[in-house]
């Protein structure tokens, strides 16, 4: 923050995020994970215009995972992104 950047994930809790759907999220040892549920995602509680995203993530085999930018909270997400 001292350099003008805002960290979207504080590595402690879900402050700044809203859980959508039936997934249950947790933060442990600085790692964000989905504990259970099959239809859910996290949405930022604040809008952002200009940003850079740096992320590292792991998923189990045969798991669908994605990152959506500027997506609305309404609607239904499918594997082809529509």
PDB file of N, CA and C in Angstrom:
ATOM      1  N   UNK A   1       0.820  -1.203   0.000  1.00  0.00           N
ATOM      2  CA  UNK A   1       0.000   0.000   0.000  1.00  0.00           C
ATOM      3  C   UNK A   1       0.854   1.253   0.000  1.00  0.00           C
ATOM      4  N   UNK A   2       2.040   1.179   0.585  1.00  0.00           N
ATOM      5  CA  UNK A   2       2.917   2.346   0.641  1.00  0.00           C
ATOM      6  C   UNK A   2       3.346   2.782  -0.754  1.00  0.00           C
ATOM      7  N   UNK A   3       3.359   1.870  -1.704  1.00  0.00           N
ATOM      8  CA  UNK A   3       3.753   2.192  -3.076  1.00  0.00           C
ATOM      9  C   UNK A   3       2.552   2.492  -3.964  1.00  0.00           C
ATOM     10  N   UNK A   4       1.364   2.638  -3.359  1.00  0.00           N
ATOM     11  CA  UNK A   4       0.173   2.938  -4.132  1.00  0.00           C
ATOM     12  C   UNK A   4      -0.603   1.718  -4.588  1.00  0.00           C
ATOM     13  N   UNK A   5      -0.197   0.537  -4.154  1.00  0.00           N
ATOM     14  CA  UNK A   5      -0.877  -0.700  -4.537  1.00  0.00           C
ATOM     15  C   UNK A   5      -1.816  -1.148  -3.432  1.00  0.00           C
ATOM     16  N   UNK A   6      -2.885  -1.768  -3.810  1.00  0.00           N
ATOM     17  CA  UNK A   6      -3.826  -2.361  -2.867  1.00  0.00           C
ATOM     18  C   UNK A   6      -3.778  -3.870  -3.067  1.00  0.00           C
ATOM     19  N   UNK A   7      -3.502  -4.598  -2.009  1.00  0.00           N
ATOM     20  CA  UNK A   7      -3.514  -6.057  -2.082  1.00  0.00           C
ATOM     21  C   UNK A   7      -4.962  -6.520  -1.913  1.00  0.00           C
ATOM     22  N   UNK A   8      -5.463  -7.252  -2.877  1.00  0.00           N
ATOM     23  CA  UNK A   8      -6.853  -7.688  -2.821  1.00  0.00           C
ATOM     24  C   UNK A   8      -7.074  -8.826  -1.843  1.00  0.00           C
ATOM     25  N   UNK A   9      -6.041  -9.566  -1.544  1.00  0.00           N
ATOM     26  CA  UNK A   9      -6.137 -10.680  -0.610  1.00  0.00           C
ATOM     27  C   UNK A   9      -5.124 -10.450   0.501  1.00  0.00           C
ATOM     28  N   UNK A  10      -5.610 -10.352   1.745  1.00  0.00           N
ATOM     29  CA  UNK A  10      -4.726 -10.030   2.868  1.00  0.00           C
ATOM     30  C   UNK A  10      -4.070 -11.261   3.504  1.00  0.00           C
ATOM     31  N   UNK A  11      -4.340 -12.449   2.982  1.00  0.00           N
ATOM     32  CA  UNK A  11      -3.753 -13.710   3.438  1.00  0.00           C
ATOM     33  C   UNK A  11      -4.166 -14.085   4.864  1.00  0.00           C
ATOM     34  N   UNK A  12      -5.204 -13.420   5.390  1.00  0.00           N
ATOM     35  CA  UNK A  12      -5.675 -13.704   6.742  1.00  0.00           C
ATOM     36  C   UNK A  12      -7.138 -14.127   6.773  1.00  0.00           C
ATOM     37  N   UNK A  13      -7.959 -13.487   5.933  1.00  0.00           N
ATOM     38  CA  UNK A  13      -9.390 -13.774   5.931  1.00  0.00           C
ATOM     39  C   UNK A  13      -9.974 -13.333   4.596  1.00  0.00           C
ATOM     40  N   UNK A  14     -11.285 -13.362   4.478  1.00  0.00           N
ATOM     41  CA  UNK A  14     -11.951 -13.008   3.229  1.00  0.00           C
ATOM     42  C   UNK A  14     -12.417 -11.558   3.196  1.00  0.00           C
ATOM     43  N   UNK A  15     -11.771 -10.694   3.962  1.00  0.00           N
ATOM     44  CA  UNK A  15     -12.115  -9.281   3.948  1.00  0.00           C
ATOM     45  C   UNK A  15     -12.006  -8.758   2.515  1.00  0.00           C
ATOM     46  N   UNK A  16     -13.050  -8.074   2.060  1.00  0.00           N
ATOM     47  CA  UNK A  16     -13.051  -7.507   0.714  1.00  0.00           C
ATOM     48  C   UNK A  16     -13.633  -8.435  -0.339  1.00  0.00           C
ATOM     49  N   UNK A  17     -14.099  -9.602   0.073  1.00  0.00           N
ATOM     50  CA  UNK A  17     -14.637 -10.586  -0.861  1.00  0.00           C
ATOM     51  C   UNK A  17     -16.014 -11.056  -0.420  1.00  0.00           C
ATOM     52  N   UNK A  18     -16.853 -11.400  -1.370  1.00  0.00           N
ATOM     53  CA  UNK A  18     -18.170 -11.971  -1.123  1.00  0.00           C
ATOM     54  C   UNK A  18     -18.224 -13.341  -1.780  1.00  0.00           C
ATOM     55  N   UNK A  19     -18.656 -14.337  -1.024  1.00  0.00           N
ATOM     56  CA  UNK A  19     -18.810 -15.679  -1.578  1.00  0.00           C
ATOM     57  C   UNK A  19     -20.154 -15.776  -2.298  1.00  0.00           C
ATOM     58  N   UNK A  20     -20.134 -16.300  -3.515  1.00  0.00           N
ATOM     59  CA  UNK A  20     -21.322 -16.497  -4.328  1.00  0.00           C
ATOM     60  C   UNK A  20     -21.468 -18.002  -4.558  1.00  0.00           C
ATOM     61  N   UNK A  21     -22.665 -18.533  -4.398  1.00  0.00           N
ATOM     62  CA  UNK A  21     -22.904 -19.950  -4.651  1.00  0.00           C
ATOM     63  C   UNK A  21     -22.730 -20.796  -3.409  1.00  0.00           C
ATOM     64  N   UNK A  22     -22.604 -22.114  -3.611  1.00  0.00           N
ATOM     65  CA  UNK A  22     -22.583 -23.037  -2.481  1.00  0.00           C
ATOM     66  C   UNK A  22     -21.187 -23.419  -1.986  1.00  0.00           C
ATOM     67  N   UNK A  23     -20.155 -22.884  -2.569  1.00  0.00           N
ATOM     68  CA  UNK A  23     -18.794 -23.218  -2.135  1.00  0.00           C
ATOM     69  C   UNK A  23     -18.502 -22.631  -0.759  1.00  0.00           C
ATOM     70  N   UNK A  24     -17.721 -23.348   0.014  1.00  0.00           N
ATOM     71  CA  UNK A  24     -17.287 -22.876   1.336  1.00  0.00           C
ATOM     72  C   UNK A  24     -15.787 -22.609   1.273  1.00  0.00           C
ATOM     73  N   UNK A  25     -15.414 -21.355   1.543  1.00  0.00           N
ATOM     74  CA  UNK A  25     -14.039 -20.900   1.422  1.00  0.00           C
ATOM     75  C   UNK A  25     -13.405 -20.739   2.785  1.00  0.00           C
ATOM     76  N   UNK A  26     -12.078 -20.924   2.837  1.00  0.00           N
ATOM     77  CA  UNK A  26     -11.361 -20.671   4.081  1.00  0.00           C
ATOM     78  C   UNK A  26      -9.959 -20.172   3.753  1.00  0.00           C
ATOM     79  N   UNK A  27      -9.368 -19.490   4.734  1.00  0.00           N
ATOM     80  CA  UNK A  27      -7.987 -19.026   4.627  1.00  0.00           C
ATOM     81  C   UNK A  27      -7.224 -19.653   5.784  1.00  0.00           C
ATOM     82  N   UNK A  28      -6.154 -20.347   5.455  1.00  0.00           N
ATOM     83  CA  UNK A  28      -5.334 -20.988   6.477  1.00  0.00           C
ATOM     84  C   UNK A  28      -3.875 -20.894   6.054  1.00  0.00           C
ATOM     85  N   UNK A  29      -3.043 -20.404   6.947  1.00  0.00           N
ATOM     86  CA  UNK A  29      -1.607 -20.238   6.664  1.00  0.00           C
ATOM     87  C   UNK A  29      -1.374 -19.403   5.402  1.00  0.00           C
ATOM     88  N   UNK A  30      -2.213 -18.387   5.192  1.00  0.00           N
ATOM     89  CA  UNK A  30      -2.042 -17.489   4.060  1.00  0.00           C
ATOM     90  C   UNK A  30      -2.554 -18.025   2.741  1.00  0.00           C
ATOM     91  N   UNK A  31      -3.197 -19.203   2.772  1.00  0.00           N
ATOM     92  CA  UNK A  31      -3.682 -19.837   1.549  1.00  0.00           C
ATOM     93  C   UNK A  31      -5.208 -19.822   1.532  1.00  0.00           C
ATOM     94  N   UNK A  32      -5.765 -19.382   0.433  1.00  0.00           N
ATOM     95  CA  UNK A  32      -7.206 -19.374   0.226  1.00  0.00           C
ATOM     96  C   UNK A  32      -7.588 -20.681  -0.452  1.00  0.00           C
ATOM     97  N   UNK A  33      -8.581 -21.370   0.092  1.00  0.00           N
ATOM     98  CA  UNK A  33      -8.997 -22.630  -0.524  1.00  0.00           C
ATOM     99  C   UNK A  33     -10.504 -22.810  -0.419  1.00  0.00           C
ATOM    100  N   UNK A  34     -11.022 -23.595  -1.336  1.00  0.00           N
ATOM    101  CA  UNK A  34     -12.429 -23.964  -1.330  1.00  0.00           C
ATOM    102  C   UNK A  34     -12.510 -25.321  -0.655  1.00  0.00           C
ATOM    103  N   UNK A  35     -13.190 -25.383   0.459  1.00  0.00           N
ATOM    104  CA  UNK A  35     -13.269 -26.610   1.239  1.00  0.00           C
ATOM    105  C   UNK A  35     -14.283 -27.594   0.685  1.00  0.00           C
ATOM    106  N   UNK A  36     -15.419 -27.103   0.254  1.00  0.00           N
ATOM    107  CA  UNK A  36     -16.414 -27.975  -0.354  1.00  0.00           C
ATOM    108  C   UNK A  36     -17.409 -27.136  -1.127  1.00  0.00           C
ATOM    109  N   UNK A  37     -18.186 -27.805  -1.943  1.00  0.00           N
ATOM    110  CA  UNK A  37     -19.135 -27.125  -2.808  1.00  0.00           C
ATOM    111  C   UNK A  37     -18.680 -27.230  -4.245  1.00  0.00           C
ATOM    112  N   UNK A  38     -19.610 -27.153  -5.150  1.00  0.00           N
ATOM    113  CA  UNK A  38     -19.253 -27.329  -6.553  1.00  0.00           C
ATOM    114  C   UNK A  38     -19.624 -26.139  -7.423  1.00  0.00           C
ATOM    115  N   UNK A  39     -20.376 -25.213  -6.895  1.00  0.00           N
ATOM    116  CA  UNK A  39     -20.798 -24.083  -7.708  1.00  0.00           C
ATOM    117  C   UNK A  39     -20.622 -22.792  -6.957  1.00  0.00           C
ATOM    118  N   UNK A  40     -19.454 -22.250  -6.983  1.00  0.00           N
ATOM    119  CA  UNK A  40     -19.251 -21.019  -6.253  1.00  0.00           C
ATOM    120  C   UNK A  40     -18.002 -20.290  -6.675  1.00  0.00           C
ATOM    121  N   UNK A  41     -17.986 -19.018  -6.359  1.00  0.00           N
ATOM    122  CA  UNK A  41     -16.816 -18.199  -6.643  1.00  0.00           C
ATOM    123  C   UNK A  41     -16.774 -17.052  -5.664  1.00  0.00           C
ATOM    124  N   UNK A  42     -15.705 -16.310  -5.716  1.00  0.00           N
ATOM    125  CA  UNK A  42     -15.539 -15.128  -4.878  1.00  0.00           C
ATOM    126  C   UNK A  42     -15.587 -13.888  -5.754  1.00  0.00           C
ATOM    127  N   UNK A  43     -16.255 -12.857  -5.270  1.00  0.00           N
ATOM    128  CA  UNK A  43     -16.344 -11.591  -5.987  1.00  0.00           C
ATOM    129  C   UNK A  43     -15.823 -10.486  -5.084  1.00  0.00           C
ATOM    130  N   UNK A  44     -15.070  -9.578  -5.647  1.00  0.00           N
ATOM    131  CA  UNK A  44     -14.557  -8.435  -4.901  1.00  0.00           C
ATOM    132  C   UNK A  44     -15.724  -7.546  -4.464  1.00  0.00           C
ATOM    133  N   UNK A  45     -15.648  -7.001  -3.269  1.00  0.00           N
ATOM    134  CA  UNK A  45     -16.702  -6.104  -2.791  1.00  0.00           C
ATOM    135  C   UNK A  45     -16.505  -4.678  -3.292  1.00  0.00           C
ATOM    136  N   UNK A  46     -15.395  -4.407  -3.945  1.00  0.00           N
ATOM    137  CA  UNK A  46     -15.105  -3.073  -4.469  1.00  0.00           C
ATOM    138  C   UNK A  46     -14.805  -3.142  -5.958  1.00  0.00           C
ATOM    139  N   UNK A  47     -15.281  -2.167  -6.729  1.00  0.00           N
ATOM    140  CA  UNK A  47     -14.947  -2.141  -8.158  1.00  0.00           C
ATOM    141  C   UNK A  47     -13.538  -1.578  -8.362  1.00  0.00           C
ATOM    142  N   UNK A  48     -12.851  -2.077  -9.373  1.00  0.00           N
ATOM    143  CA  UNK A  48     -11.518  -1.586  -9.716  1.00  0.00           C
ATOM    144  C   UNK A  48     -11.476  -1.303 -11.205  1.00  0.00           C
ATOM    145  N   UNK A  49     -10.766  -0.230 -11.577  1.00  0.00           N
ATOM    146  CA  UNK A  49     -10.656   0.114 -12.989  1.00  0.00           C
ATOM    147  C   UNK A  49      -9.361  -0.397 -13.585  1.00  0.00           C
ATOM    148  N   UNK A  50      -8.264  -0.033 -13.014  1.00  0.00           N
ATOM    149  CA  UNK A  50      -6.953  -0.413 -13.544  1.00  0.00           C
ATOM    150  C   UNK A  50      -6.240  -1.279 -12.522  1.00  0.00           C
ATOM    151  N   UNK A  51      -5.738  -2.410 -12.962  1.00  0.00           N
ATOM    152  CA  UNK A  51      -5.088  -3.312 -12.022  1.00  0.00           C
ATOM    153  C   UNK A  51      -4.138  -4.250 -12.744  1.00  0.00           C
ATOM    154  N   UNK A  52      -3.253  -4.827 -11.992  1.00  0.00           N
ATOM    155  CA  UNK A  52      -2.404  -5.923 -12.442  1.00  0.00           C
ATOM    156  C   UNK A  52      -2.699  -7.088 -11.517  1.00  0.00           C
ATOM    157  N   UNK A  53      -2.811  -8.260 -12.079  1.00  0.00           N
ATOM    158  CA  UNK A  53      -3.114  -9.436 -11.282  1.00  0.00           C
ATOM    159  C   UNK A  53      -1.937 -10.398 -11.333  1.00  0.00           C
ATOM    160  N   UNK A  54      -1.499 -10.808 -10.161  1.00  0.00           N
ATOM    161  CA  UNK A  54      -0.477 -11.842 -10.058  1.00  0.00           C
ATOM    162  C   UNK A  54      -1.051 -12.913  -9.154  1.00  0.00           C
ATOM    163  N   UNK A  55      -1.136 -14.122  -9.646  1.00  0.00           N
ATOM    164  CA  UNK A  55      -1.784 -15.190  -8.892  1.00  0.00           C
ATOM    165  C   UNK A  55      -1.086 -16.524  -9.147  1.00  0.00           C
ATOM    166  N   UNK A  56      -1.035 -17.329  -8.125  1.00  0.00           N
ATOM    167  CA  UNK A  56      -0.573 -18.709  -8.240  1.00  0.00           C
ATOM    168  C   UNK A  56      -1.686 -19.583  -7.695  1.00  0.00           C
ATOM    169  N   UNK A  57      -2.101 -20.578  -8.456  1.00  0.00           N
ATOM    170  CA  UNK A  57      -3.137 -21.447  -7.932  1.00  0.00           C
ATOM    171  C   UNK A  57      -2.906 -22.882  -8.375  1.00  0.00           C
ATOM    172  N   UNK A  58      -3.447 -23.789  -7.579  1.00  0.00           N
ATOM    173  CA  UNK A  58      -3.360 -25.224  -7.870  1.00  0.00           C
ATOM    174  C   UNK A  58      -4.763 -25.799  -7.786  1.00  0.00           C
ATOM    175  N   UNK A  59      -5.028 -26.758  -8.639  1.00  0.00           N
ATOM    176  CA  UNK A  59      -6.310 -27.467  -8.605  1.00  0.00           C
ATOM    177  C   UNK A  59      -6.056 -28.956  -8.766  1.00  0.00           C
ATOM    178  N   UNK A  60      -6.972 -29.752  -8.242  1.00  0.00           N
ATOM    179  CA  UNK A  60      -6.891 -31.194  -8.421  1.00  0.00           C
ATOM    180  C   UNK A  60      -7.211 -31.543  -9.869  1.00  0.00           C
ATOM    181  N   UNK A  61      -6.766 -32.709 -10.304  1.00  0.00           N
ATOM    182  CA  UNK A  61      -7.049 -33.173 -11.661  1.00  0.00           C
ATOM    183  C   UNK A  61      -8.553 -33.192 -11.901  1.00  0.00           C
ATOM    184  N   UNK A  62      -8.951 -32.894 -13.122  1.00  0.00           N
ATOM    185  CA  UNK A  62     -10.361 -32.891 -13.537  1.00  0.00           C
ATOM    186  C   UNK A  62     -11.208 -31.869 -12.786  1.00  0.00           C
ATOM    187  N   UNK A  63     -10.588 -30.788 -12.366  1.00  0.00           N
ATOM    188  CA  UNK A  63     -11.295 -29.718 -11.677  1.00  0.00           C
ATOM    189  C   UNK A  63     -11.386 -28.513 -12.597  1.00  0.00           C
ATOM    190  N   UNK A  64     -12.537 -27.886 -12.637  1.00  0.00           N
ATOM    191  CA  UNK A  64     -12.686 -26.673 -13.423  1.00  0.00           C
ATOM    192  C   UNK A  64     -12.314 -25.484 -12.547  1.00  0.00           C
ATOM    193  N   UNK A  65     -11.447 -24.636 -13.031  1.00  0.00           N
ATOM    194  CA  UNK A  65     -11.054 -23.437 -12.300  1.00  0.00           C
ATOM    195  C   UNK A  65     -10.861 -22.311 -13.309  1.00  0.00           C
ATOM    196  N   UNK A  66     -11.222 -21.109 -12.918  1.00  0.00           N
ATOM    197  CA  UNK A  66     -11.059 -19.979 -13.821  1.00  0.00           C
ATOM    198  C   UNK A  66     -10.975 -18.684 -13.031  1.00  0.00           C
ATOM    199  N   UNK A  67     -10.537 -17.654 -13.714  1.00  0.00           N
ATOM    200  CA  UNK A  67     -10.506 -16.308 -13.166  1.00  0.00           C
ATOM    201  C   UNK A  67     -11.278 -15.433 -14.141  1.00  0.00           C
ATOM    202  N   UNK A  68     -12.273 -14.723 -13.648  1.00  0.00           N
ATOM    203  CA  UNK A  68     -13.088 -13.861 -14.502  1.00  0.00           C
ATOM    204  C   UNK A  68     -12.830 -12.406 -14.128  1.00  0.00           C
ATOM    205  N   UNK A  69     -12.725 -11.556 -15.123  1.00  0.00           N
ATOM    206  CA  UNK A  69     -12.511 -10.126 -14.917  1.00  0.00           C
ATOM    207  C   UNK A  69     -13.750  -9.361 -15.336  1.00  0.00           C
ATOM    208  N   UNK A  70     -14.125  -8.378 -14.531  1.00  0.00           N
ATOM    209  CA  UNK A  70     -15.238  -7.495 -14.853  1.00  0.00           C
ATOM    210  C   UNK A  70     -16.517  -8.265 -15.162  1.00  0.00           C
ATOM    211  N   UNK A  71     -16.713  -9.354 -14.479  1.00  0.00           N
ATOM    212  CA  UNK A  71     -17.902 -10.179 -14.667  1.00  0.00           C
ATOM    213  C   UNK A  71     -18.996  -9.732 -13.707  1.00  0.00           C
ATOM    214  N   UNK A  72     -20.220  -9.821 -14.147  1.00  0.00           N
ATOM    215  CA  UNK A  72     -21.345  -9.469 -13.304  1.00  0.00           C
ATOM    216  C   UNK A  72     -21.629 -10.551 -12.275  1.00  0.00           C
ATOM    217  N   UNK A  73     -22.405 -10.210 -11.273  1.00  0.00           N
ATOM    218  CA  UNK A  73     -22.758 -11.173 -10.233  1.00  0.00           C
ATOM    219  C   UNK A  73     -23.983 -11.993 -10.604  1.00  0.00           C
ATOM    220  N   UNK A  74     -24.711 -11.575 -11.609  1.00  0.00           N
ATOM    221  CA  UNK A  74     -25.907 -12.280 -12.037  1.00  0.00           C
ATOM    222  C   UNK A  74     -25.559 -13.236 -13.171  1.00  0.00           C
ATOM    223  N   UNK A  75     -26.401 -14.222 -13.368  1.00  0.00           N
ATOM    224  CA  UNK A  75     -26.214 -15.145 -14.475  1.00  0.00           C
ATOM    225  C   UNK A  75     -25.670 -16.476 -14.000  1.00  0.00           C
ATOM    226  N   UNK A  76     -25.325 -17.297 -14.955  1.00  0.00           N
ATOM    227  CA  UNK A  76     -24.849 -18.649 -14.675  1.00  0.00           C
ATOM    228  C   UNK A  76     -23.574 -18.897 -15.459  1.00  0.00           C
ATOM    229  N   UNK A  77     -22.563 -19.383 -14.810  1.00  0.00           N
ATOM    230  CA  UNK A  77     -21.285 -19.669 -15.464  1.00  0.00           C
ATOM    231  C   UNK A  77     -21.271 -21.117 -15.915  1.00  0.00           C
ATOM    232  N   UNK A  78     -20.820 -21.373 -17.134  1.00  0.00           N
ATOM    233  CA  UNK A  78     -20.675 -22.717 -17.640  1.00  0.00           C
ATOM    234  C   UNK A  78     -19.245 -22.942 -18.058  1.00  0.00           C
ATOM    235  N   UNK A  79     -18.900 -24.170 -18.412  1.00  0.00           N
ATOM    236  CA  UNK A  79     -17.519 -24.511 -18.759  1.00  0.00           C
ATOM    237  C   UNK A  79     -16.988 -23.713 -19.933  1.00  0.00           C
ATOM    238  N   UNK A  80     -17.844 -23.308 -20.874  1.00  0.00           N
ATOM    239  CA  UNK A  80     -17.346 -22.544 -22.004  1.00  0.00           C
ATOM    240  C   UNK A  80     -17.332 -21.042 -21.728  1.00  0.00           C
ATOM    241  N   UNK A  81     -17.638 -20.659 -20.471  1.00  0.00           N
ATOM    242  CA  UNK A  81     -17.542 -19.260 -20.068  1.00  0.00           C
ATOM    243  C   UNK A  81     -18.768 -18.418 -20.336  1.00  0.00           C
ATOM    244  N   UNK A  82     -19.831 -19.019 -20.855  1.00  0.00           N
ATOM    245  CA  UNK A  82     -21.017 -18.218 -21.145  1.00  0.00           C
ATOM    246  C   UNK A  82     -22.008 -18.238 -20.005  1.00  0.00           C
TER     247      UNK A  82
END
